[in-house]
């Protein structure tokens, strides 16, 4: 598994991160897996060289992560978790209590990266001025190693919150939505993150539109209707078939992960699953060579004007 240095944190992280949220939540969202099976899934990822795990208070998978990590060397694992935010800003007491509860569930006395989860642009000033100083205090106490913030991409398609956050010298790590369908973060977020040496985690690399052909077709049809996609540049019957030419990729999912992995400024691409064989396939994708340059150029050209979808 390829590793990278997570920006200015200096943390050595696997380029693939195990995501414990998303549609599967390690098999817990729809109770597809027993708790023991989900723990085994985490251990499978760790044993394959994945050392970055992302979870959150809201995902209800911190207990599972904690049970898995307790069976391995904690110091070699990077744990990222998040404090749930809602429509009403939380208090300092709620943040502190949330962190303490997360640490208990994770069976650790520190978290490597602690994020404000899905911060909305209209709440940014409050969290910067009222909550971030407490996070810095908790960092000094050793409960948090690095401060992070994640966007709510479906509510903030223009990445406005992260645009603000990158102006401030407090956030060590950010989580941004980016995939081959919607590449807007390249200019609005990633370029600035590179300049400031901010650690970048990618979410939404593969969503429903990039894993289900019928969903992809509907998404592309809507983009043609809005004028974001040129119908002359896409074959709706086999829209991304060119990615599999000459055996360059296995399928669209494989291509989607590798497209994000090799985007400049990206450190970790999150991948979630509930299935051991699916996890193994994803790990294999991250081990493959970069996509051919002509395919990357073509993807950038086809989707250059897309701004309204996340791929979900």
Protein backbone atom coordinates (compact mmCIF):
# COMPACT_ATOMS: atom_id res chain seq x y z
CA UNK A 1 0.00 0.00 0.00
CA UNK A 2 1.40 3.38 -1.03
CA UNK A 3 1.93 5.87 1.79
CA UNK A 4 2.12 9.65 1.77
CA UNK A 5 2.91 12.39 4.26
CA UNK A 6 -0.32 14.09 5.31
CA UNK A 7 0.65 17.70 4.68
CA UNK A 8 2.14 19.61 7.56
CA UNK A 9 1.03 17.00 10.11
CA UNK A 10 3.99 14.82 9.17
CA UNK A 11 1.81 11.72 9.61
CA UNK A 12 2.66 8.83 7.29
CA UNK A 13 -0.68 7.65 5.93
CA UNK A 14 -1.87 5.00 3.50
CA UNK A 15 -3.25 6.53 0.31
CA UNK A 16 -6.37 4.43 0.81
CA UNK A 17 -8.28 5.20 3.97
CA UNK A 18 -10.96 2.92 5.36
CA UNK A 19 -14.17 4.90 5.63
CA UNK A 20 -16.52 3.75 8.38
CA UNK A 21 -19.42 5.93 7.21
CA UNK A 22 -21.14 6.26 3.86
CA UNK A 23 -23.89 3.94 2.62
CA UNK A 24 -22.45 0.86 4.33
CA UNK A 25 -20.92 1.93 7.64
CA UNK A 26 -18.91 -1.29 7.64
CA UNK A 27 -22.13 -3.22 7.19
CA UNK A 28 -23.84 -1.69 10.21
CA UNK A 29 -26.25 0.75 8.55
CA UNK A 30 -28.65 -1.97 7.38
CA UNK A 31 -27.29 -4.61 9.76
CA UNK A 32 -25.75 -6.52 6.86
CA UNK A 33 -22.90 -7.67 9.10
CA UNK A 34 -22.62 -8.70 12.70
CA UNK A 35 -20.40 -6.58 14.90
CA UNK A 36 -17.74 -9.31 14.83
CA UNK A 37 -17.83 -9.37 11.01
CA UNK A 38 -17.41 -5.60 10.86
CA UNK A 39 -14.46 -5.77 13.25
CA UNK A 40 -12.95 -8.46 11.03
CA UNK A 41 -13.37 -6.15 8.03
CA UNK A 42 -11.35 -3.44 9.77
CA UNK A 43 -8.65 -5.95 10.66
CA UNK A 44 -8.56 -7.10 7.03
CA UNK A 45 -7.85 -3.54 5.92
CA UNK A 46 -5.18 -3.02 8.58
CA UNK A 47 -3.44 -6.27 7.69
CA UNK A 48 -3.41 -5.22 4.02
CA UNK A 49 -1.47 -2.05 4.82
CA UNK A 50 -4.29 0.46 5.32
CA UNK A 51 -3.28 2.51 8.37
CA UNK A 52 -5.81 5.37 8.07
CA UNK A 53 -9.33 4.89 9.43
CA UNK A 54 -12.03 7.55 9.28
CA UNK A 55 -15.12 7.37 11.46
CA UNK A 56 -17.42 9.80 13.26
CA UNK A 57 -19.75 10.19 16.20
CA UNK A 58 -22.65 10.21 13.74
CA UNK A 59 -21.67 6.94 12.04
CA UNK A 60 -22.00 4.84 15.20
CA UNK A 61 -18.98 2.77 14.17
CA UNK A 62 -16.44 4.10 16.66
CA UNK A 63 -16.99 1.07 18.93
CA UNK A 64 -16.15 -1.27 16.06
CA UNK A 65 -13.01 0.69 15.20
CA UNK A 66 -11.99 0.64 18.84
CA UNK A 67 -12.39 -3.14 19.12
CA UNK A 68 -10.33 -3.69 15.96
CA UNK A 69 -7.57 -1.24 16.84
CA UNK A 70 -7.24 -2.81 20.29
CA UNK A 71 -6.03 -5.97 18.51
CA UNK A 72 -3.23 -4.16 16.67
CA UNK A 73 -0.50 -1.60 17.42
CA UNK A 74 -2.36 1.65 18.18
CA UNK A 75 0.71 3.78 17.49
CA UNK A 76 0.86 2.56 13.90
CA UNK A 77 -2.77 3.48 13.13
CA UNK A 78 -4.08 6.92 12.25
CA UNK A 79 -7.60 7.47 13.57
CA UNK A 80 -9.73 10.29 12.22
CA UNK A 81 -13.09 11.00 13.84
CA UNK A 82 -15.58 13.84 13.91
CA UNK A 83 -17.97 15.76 16.14
CA UNK A 84 -21.52 15.83 14.83
CA UNK A 85 -22.78 19.31 13.94
CA UNK A 86 -26.36 20.24 13.22
CA UNK A 87 -28.51 23.18 12.28
CA UNK A 88 -27.92 24.78 15.68
CA UNK A 89 -24.25 25.40 16.60
CA UNK A 90 -22.97 23.21 19.42
CA UNK A 91 -21.51 24.51 22.67
CA UNK A 92 -18.00 24.07 24.02
CA UNK A 93 -19.34 21.64 26.60
CA UNK A 94 -20.92 19.54 23.86
CA UNK A 95 -17.69 19.41 21.89
CA UNK A 96 -15.66 18.34 24.94
CA UNK A 97 -18.23 15.70 25.90
CA UNK A 98 -18.36 14.46 22.32
CA UNK A 99 -14.59 14.03 22.17
CA UNK A 100 -14.50 12.22 25.52
CA UNK A 101 -17.25 9.85 24.37
CA UNK A 102 -15.43 9.19 21.09
CA UNK A 103 -12.21 8.39 22.91
CA UNK A 104 -14.06 5.97 25.18
CA UNK A 105 -15.67 4.18 22.24
CA UNK A 106 -12.39 4.11 20.32
CA UNK A 107 -10.58 2.71 23.38
CA UNK A 108 -7.79 5.26 23.11
CA UNK A 109 -6.64 8.32 25.00
CA UNK A 110 -6.04 10.44 21.91
CA UNK A 111 -7.38 10.85 18.39
CA UNK A 112 -4.99 11.67 15.59
CA UNK A 113 -7.38 14.00 13.75
CA UNK A 114 -10.54 15.48 15.23
CA UNK A 115 -12.88 17.19 12.77
CA UNK A 116 -15.83 19.47 12.90
CA UNK A 117 -18.21 17.33 10.84
CA UNK A 118 -20.03 18.88 7.88
CA UNK A 119 -19.48 22.50 8.86
CA UNK A 120 -21.86 24.83 7.02
CA UNK A 121 -20.57 28.11 5.58
CA UNK A 122 -23.03 30.21 7.58
CA UNK A 123 -21.71 28.74 10.85
CA UNK A 124 -18.03 29.00 10.05
CA UNK A 125 -17.30 32.22 11.97
CA UNK A 126 -18.92 30.89 15.14
CA UNK A 127 -16.88 27.69 15.09
CA UNK A 128 -13.66 29.50 14.25
CA UNK A 129 -14.03 32.01 17.08
CA UNK A 130 -15.82 29.97 19.74
CA UNK A 131 -15.04 26.29 19.26
CA UNK A 132 -11.64 26.15 17.56
CA UNK A 133 -9.85 27.67 20.59
CA UNK A 134 -11.22 24.84 22.75
CA UNK A 135 -10.00 22.32 20.17
CA UNK A 136 -6.55 23.90 20.44
CA UNK A 137 -6.71 23.57 24.23
CA UNK A 138 -7.60 19.89 23.90
CA UNK A 139 -4.74 19.55 21.46
CA UNK A 140 -2.34 20.97 24.04
CA UNK A 141 -3.72 18.46 26.55
CA UNK A 142 -2.82 15.61 24.17
CA UNK A 143 -6.38 14.47 23.46
CA UNK A 144 -6.19 15.66 19.85
CA UNK A 145 -3.08 15.57 17.69
CA UNK A 146 -4.35 17.60 14.71
CA UNK A 147 -7.41 19.71 13.94
CA UNK A 148 -9.63 19.00 10.97
CA UNK A 149 -12.79 20.23 9.29
CA UNK A 150 -15.07 18.53 6.78
CA UNK A 151 -17.52 20.11 4.40
CA UNK A 152 -21.17 19.28 3.80
CA UNK A 153 -20.76 18.95 0.05
CA UNK A 154 -24.40 18.35 -0.85
CA UNK A 155 -25.27 21.65 0.86
CA UNK A 156 -22.11 23.45 -0.22
CA UNK A 157 -21.42 22.51 -3.83
CA UNK A 158 -19.12 25.48 -4.30
CA UNK A 159 -16.85 24.47 -1.39
CA UNK A 160 -17.47 27.88 0.19
CA UNK A 161 -16.75 26.75 3.75
CA UNK A 162 -13.40 25.20 2.85
CA UNK A 163 -12.57 28.31 0.87
CA UNK A 164 -12.91 30.21 4.13
CA UNK A 165 -11.11 27.60 6.18
CA UNK A 166 -8.07 27.67 3.93
CA UNK A 167 -7.63 31.35 4.70
CA UNK A 168 -7.09 30.58 8.38
CA UNK A 169 -3.97 28.94 9.76
CA UNK A 170 -5.69 26.63 12.22
CA UNK A 171 -6.88 23.56 10.29
CA UNK A 172 -4.25 20.89 9.70
CA UNK A 173 -6.48 18.56 7.70
CA UNK A 174 -9.57 19.03 5.54
CA UNK A 175 -12.04 16.60 4.01
CA UNK A 176 -13.41 17.59 0.61
CA UNK A 177 -15.79 16.06 -1.91
CA UNK A 178 -14.14 15.28 -5.24
CA UNK A 179 -14.60 12.68 -7.96
CA UNK A 180 -14.31 12.25 -11.70
CA UNK A 181 -17.87 13.54 -12.22
CA UNK A 182 -17.42 16.75 -10.21
CA UNK A 183 -13.88 18.10 -10.19
CA UNK A 184 -14.58 21.63 -8.94
CA UNK A 185 -12.41 21.20 -5.85
CA UNK A 186 -9.29 21.13 -8.05
CA UNK A 187 -9.14 24.90 -8.37
CA UNK A 188 -11.23 26.02 -5.41
CA UNK A 189 -9.67 23.81 -2.72
CA UNK A 190 -6.79 21.58 -3.75
CA UNK A 191 -4.61 24.30 -5.25
CA UNK A 192 -4.75 26.32 -2.02
CA UNK A 193 -4.25 23.23 0.15
CA UNK A 194 -1.06 22.42 -1.76
CA UNK A 195 0.23 25.96 -1.22
CA UNK A 196 -0.49 25.82 2.53
CA UNK A 197 0.59 22.19 3.02
CA UNK A 198 -2.81 21.16 4.37
CA UNK A 199 -3.60 17.46 4.63
CA UNK A 200 -6.38 16.48 2.21
CA UNK A 201 -8.84 13.61 2.62
CA UNK A 202 -11.15 12.82 -0.30
CA UNK A 203 -14.73 11.72 0.24
CA UNK A 204 -17.29 10.75 -2.44
CA UNK A 205 -14.61 9.29 -4.74
CA UNK A 206 -17.11 6.55 -5.55
CA UNK A 207 -20.81 7.06 -4.98
CA UNK A 208 -23.92 5.49 -6.51
CA UNK A 209 -23.46 7.10 -9.92
CA UNK A 210 -20.01 5.57 -10.21
CA UNK A 211 -20.97 2.11 -9.01
CA UNK A 212 -24.42 1.59 -10.58
CA UNK A 213 -24.77 1.95 -14.37
CA UNK A 214 -28.44 2.95 -14.24
CA UNK A 215 -27.70 5.71 -11.74
CA UNK A 216 -24.80 6.94 -13.88
CA UNK A 217 -27.02 7.17 -16.96
CA UNK A 218 -29.67 9.17 -15.08
CA UNK A 219 -27.01 11.50 -13.72
CA UNK A 220 -25.48 12.08 -17.15
CA UNK A 221 -28.88 12.69 -18.72
CA UNK A 222 -29.63 15.37 -16.13
CA UNK A 223 -26.24 17.00 -16.74
CA UNK A 224 -26.94 17.13 -20.46
CA UNK A 225 -30.29 18.78 -19.71
CA UNK A 226 -28.63 21.45 -17.54
CA UNK A 227 -25.95 22.09 -20.16
CA UNK A 228 -23.12 20.96 -17.89
CA UNK A 229 -22.31 18.05 -20.19
CA UNK A 230 -21.92 18.07 -23.97
CA UNK A 231 -23.93 15.17 -25.39
CA UNK A 232 -21.48 14.89 -28.27
CA UNK A 233 -18.73 13.91 -25.84
CA UNK A 234 -20.53 11.03 -24.14
CA UNK A 235 -22.17 7.75 -25.19
CA UNK A 236 -25.04 7.25 -22.80
CA UNK A 237 -25.16 3.52 -23.53
CA UNK A 238 -21.49 3.02 -22.61
CA UNK A 239 -20.46 6.38 -21.15
CA UNK A 240 -17.12 5.47 -19.61
CA UNK A 241 -16.24 2.41 -21.68
CA UNK A 242 -13.11 4.15 -22.94
CA UNK A 243 -11.61 3.73 -19.48
CA UNK A 244 -11.44 -0.02 -20.02
CA UNK A 245 -9.67 0.20 -23.37
CA UNK A 246 -6.51 -1.90 -23.60
CA UNK A 247 -7.20 -3.26 -20.12
CA UNK A 248 -6.20 0.02 -18.49
CA UNK A 249 -8.88 -0.34 -15.81
CA UNK A 250 -11.04 -3.09 -14.37
CA UNK A 251 -14.26 -1.09 -14.22
CA UNK A 252 -15.58 2.39 -13.47
CA UNK A 253 -15.07 2.02 -9.72
CA UNK A 254 -11.44 1.05 -10.24
CA UNK A 255 -10.92 4.06 -12.50
CA UNK A 256 -12.69 6.41 -10.09
CA UNK A 257 -10.44 5.52 -7.17
CA UNK A 258 -7.27 5.82 -9.22
CA UNK A 259 -8.41 9.13 -10.73
CA UNK A 260 -8.75 10.62 -7.24
CA UNK A 261 -5.63 8.94 -5.87
CA UNK A 262 -3.39 10.64 -8.41
CA UNK A 263 -4.93 14.11 -8.29
CA UNK A 264 -2.27 16.61 -7.11
CA UNK A 265 -2.80 17.66 -3.51
CA UNK A 266 -4.62 14.49 -2.45
CA UNK A 267 -3.21 12.45 0.42
CA UNK A 268 -5.92 9.95 1.39
CA UNK A 269 -8.92 8.69 -0.58
CA UNK A 270 -11.61 7.18 1.61
CA UNK A 271 -13.19 3.87 0.65
CA UNK A 272 -16.06 2.30 2.53
CA UNK A 273 -17.52 -1.18 2.26
CA UNK A 274 -19.39 -3.94 4.07
CA UNK A 275 -17.98 -6.80 2.03
CA UNK A 276 -14.58 -8.50 2.41
CA UNK A 277 -14.26 -9.25 -1.31
CA UNK A 278 -15.24 -5.70 -2.18
CA UNK A 279 -12.63 -4.41 0.26
CA UNK A 280 -9.99 -6.61 -1.36
CA UNK A 281 -10.96 -5.30 -4.81
CA UNK A 282 -10.67 -1.70 -3.63
CA UNK A 283 -7.27 -2.35 -2.08
CA UNK A 284 -6.16 -3.87 -5.40
CA UNK A 285 -7.29 -0.72 -7.26
CA UNK A 286 -5.08 1.46 -5.08
CA UNK A 287 -2.12 -0.77 -5.91
CA UNK A 288 -2.49 -0.34 -9.67
CA UNK A 289 -0.53 2.03 -11.88
CA UNK A 290 -1.83 5.54 -12.67
CA UNK A 291 -4.49 5.88 -15.34
CA UNK A 292 -3.10 6.62 -18.81
CA UNK A 293 -2.55 10.34 -19.26
CA UNK A 294 -4.93 10.49 -22.23
CA UNK A 295 -7.75 9.04 -20.11
CA UNK A 296 -7.21 11.60 -17.36
CA UNK A 297 -7.21 14.41 -19.92
CA UNK A 298 -10.41 13.08 -21.46
CA UNK A 299 -12.17 12.84 -18.11
CA UNK A 300 -11.13 16.38 -17.25
CA UNK A 301 -12.47 17.65 -20.58
CA UNK A 302 -15.80 15.77 -20.50
CA UNK A 303 -16.73 16.85 -16.97
CA UNK A 304 -15.08 20.30 -16.96
CA UNK A 305 -18.36 22.17 -16.54
CA UNK A 306 -20.08 19.93 -13.98
CA UNK A 307 -20.94 21.76 -10.76
CA UNK A 308 -24.38 20.52 -9.67
CA UNK A 309 -23.91 16.88 -8.68
CA UNK A 310 -21.84 14.98 -6.13
CA UNK A 311 -22.32 11.54 -7.62
CA UNK A 312 -24.48 10.41 -4.74
